[in-house]
Amino acid sequence: MGQNTFHIALHVKDLDAAIARYRKLLGIEPAKVRHDYAKFELADPPVILSLNPGGEPGTVAHLGIRYPGTADVATEMVRVKAEGVEVLQQTGTTCCYAKADKFWAVDADGMRWEMYAVTADAEAETATDSDVQALGAR
């Protein structure tokens, strides 16, 4: 059985410069690089660091947890909803060059959290999801 992995997505001003710096800082190569996205996957501690151009450089775009499978995501979504937290469910969505089942929620300060399981790699990034953007504005 796989483990849950913490995910953090950062806004960056210059993707190439950010990739070069994180290679040095983390001592590993990125797991995925595209013209508008990069991802580093650390094994210990288990962390997925995504670099996203745009937004306010140096700020957190969102936080999240990657689960081993879609059943884990479904179980967590039921639990979170039972706690009275509003969620936005996305099944079979494409984001960050991957297909995933996920749900989004926001913390008490408006930080978006993405809870997801990757189901397949994808060749395309998708457009900004207005529903997800609106979730953080509520």
Protein backbone atom coordinates (compact mmCIF):
# COMPACT_ATOMS: atom_id res chain seq x y z
CA MET A 1 0.00 0.00 0.00
CA GLY A 2 1.32 3.44 -0.90
CA GLN A 3 1.61 6.37 1.42
CA ASN A 4 -0.08 9.75 1.50
CA THR A 5 2.18 12.49 0.18
CA PHE A 6 2.09 16.17 1.10
CA HIS A 7 1.72 18.51 -1.89
CA ILE A 8 2.59 22.19 -2.14
CA ALA A 9 2.23 24.32 -5.27
CA LEU A 10 4.25 27.52 -5.45
CA HIS A 11 3.87 30.51 -7.73
CA VAL A 12 7.16 31.37 -9.48
CA LYS A 13 8.22 34.33 -11.62
CA ASP A 14 10.76 32.49 -13.80
CA LEU A 15 10.16 28.75 -14.17
CA ASP A 16 13.62 27.97 -15.59
CA ALA A 17 15.37 29.83 -12.75
CA ALA A 18 13.13 28.14 -10.17
CA ILE A 19 13.87 24.68 -11.60
CA ALA A 20 17.61 25.37 -11.54
CA ARG A 21 17.48 26.58 -7.93
CA TYR A 22 15.33 23.68 -6.67
CA ARG A 23 17.64 21.18 -8.40
CA LYS A 24 20.46 22.61 -6.27
CA LEU A 25 18.37 23.04 -3.13
CA LEU A 26 16.76 19.59 -3.16
CA GLY A 27 19.59 17.65 -4.84
CA ILE A 28 17.24 15.87 -7.24
CA GLU A 29 16.00 16.23 -10.79
CA PRO A 30 12.37 17.22 -11.42
CA ALA A 31 9.95 14.35 -11.97
CA LYS A 32 8.13 16.34 -14.67
CA VAL A 33 8.95 19.51 -16.63
CA ARG A 34 6.76 21.24 -19.19
CA HIS A 35 6.91 24.76 -20.65
CA ASP A 36 4.52 26.04 -17.94
CA TYR A 37 4.94 23.56 -15.07
CA ALA A 38 7.50 21.58 -13.09
CA LYS A 39 7.19 18.98 -10.34
CA PHE A 40 9.74 17.63 -7.87
CA GLU A 41 8.92 14.47 -5.89
CA LEU A 42 10.86 13.97 -2.68
CA ALA A 43 10.90 10.52 -1.10
CA ASP A 44 11.95 11.53 2.43
CA PRO A 45 10.00 13.35 3.65
CA PRO A 46 7.35 12.50 1.05
CA VAL A 47 6.56 15.83 -0.62
CA ILE A 48 5.41 16.88 -4.09
CA LEU A 49 6.58 20.39 -4.93
CA SER A 50 4.90 21.94 -7.97
CA LEU A 51 6.18 25.14 -9.56
CA ASN A 52 3.58 27.23 -11.37
CA PRO A 53 4.32 30.47 -13.25
CA GLY A 54 1.92 33.30 -12.51
CA GLY A 55 0.35 34.58 -9.38
CA GLU A 56 2.41 36.42 -6.76
CA PRO A 57 5.95 34.97 -7.00
CA GLY A 58 7.05 33.18 -3.86
CA THR A 59 3.55 32.57 -2.55
CA VAL A 60 1.66 29.32 -2.07
CA ALA A 61 -0.85 28.57 -4.82
CA HIS A 62 -2.43 25.71 -2.86
CA LEU A 63 -1.65 22.81 -0.55
CA GLY A 64 -2.77 19.23 -0.80
CA ILE A 65 -2.39 15.55 -0.16
CA ARG A 66 -1.87 12.91 -2.84
CA TYR A 67 -3.47 9.60 -1.86
CA PRO A 68 -2.43 6.17 -3.11
CA GLY A 69 -5.76 5.52 -4.85
CA THR A 70 -9.15 6.91 -5.79
CA ALA A 71 -10.90 4.90 -3.06
CA ASP A 72 -8.79 6.78 -0.49
CA VAL A 73 -9.92 10.10 -2.00
CA ALA A 74 -13.57 9.01 -1.90
CA THR A 75 -13.27 7.92 1.73
CA GLU A 76 -11.63 11.19 2.75
CA MET A 77 -14.23 13.23 0.87
CA VAL A 78 -17.06 11.46 2.73
CA ARG A 79 -15.28 12.12 6.03
CA VAL A 80 -14.64 15.81 5.29
CA LYS A 81 -18.23 16.37 4.11
CA ALA A 82 -19.52 14.70 7.29
CA GLU A 83 -17.54 17.32 9.23
CA GLY A 84 -19.60 20.00 7.48
CA VAL A 85 -16.82 21.25 5.19
CA GLU A 86 -17.91 22.33 1.70
CA VAL A 87 -16.04 20.47 -1.06
CA LEU A 88 -15.75 20.71 -4.82
CA GLN A 89 -15.53 17.22 -6.32
CA GLN A 90 -13.71 16.64 -9.62
CA THR A 91 -13.69 13.13 -11.08
CA GLY A 92 -11.51 12.26 -14.06
CA THR A 93 -10.19 15.81 -14.35
CA THR A 94 -6.96 16.78 -16.10
CA CYS A 95 -4.63 19.15 -14.30
CA CYS A 96 -0.88 19.59 -14.05
CA TYR A 97 -0.31 17.14 -16.89
CA ALA A 98 -2.09 14.32 -15.03
CA LYS A 99 -5.58 12.84 -14.87
CA ALA A 100 -6.94 12.58 -11.34
CA ASP A 101 -9.92 12.11 -9.10
CA LYS A 102 -9.94 14.84 -6.49
CA PHE A 103 -11.79 17.17 -4.26
CA TRP A 104 -11.00 20.68 -3.12
CA ALA A 105 -11.74 22.37 0.20
CA VAL A 106 -10.58 25.58 1.87
CA ASP A 107 -9.20 26.08 5.36
CA ALA A 108 -10.43 28.75 7.79
CA ASP A 109 -8.12 31.34 6.20
CA GLY A 110 -9.12 30.61 2.59
CA MET A 111 -6.13 28.44 1.60
CA ARG A 112 -7.22 25.93 -1.05
CA TRP A 113 -6.47 22.25 -0.34
CA GLU A 114 -6.41 19.67 -3.15
CA MET A 115 -7.00 16.05 -2.08
CA TYR A 116 -6.31 13.76 -5.04
CA ALA A 117 -5.15 10.49 -6.56
CA VAL A 118 -3.47 10.44 -9.97
CA THR A 119 -5.02 7.94 -12.36
CA ALA A 120 -2.84 8.54 -15.46
CA ASP A 121 -0.26 10.86 -16.95
CA ALA A 122 -1.51 13.43 -19.48
CA GLU A 123 0.18 15.33 -22.28
CA ALA A 124 -1.85 18.51 -21.81
CA GLU A 125 -2.38 21.01 -19.01
CA THR A 126 -5.92 22.32 -18.68
CA ALA A 127 -7.16 25.88 -18.45
CA THR A 128 -7.59 27.48 -15.05
CA ASP A 129 -10.65 26.03 -13.39
CA SER A 130 -12.95 28.90 -12.43
CA ASP A 131 -14.82 26.71 -9.92
CA VAL A 132 -11.57 26.01 -8.03
CA GLN A 133 -10.56 29.68 -8.16
CA ALA A 134 -13.99 30.68 -6.84
CA LEU A 135 -13.72 28.15 -4.00
CA GLY A 136 -10.85 30.13 -2.47
CA ALA A 137 -12.80 33.39 -2.78
CA ARG A 138 -15.76 32.19 -0.69
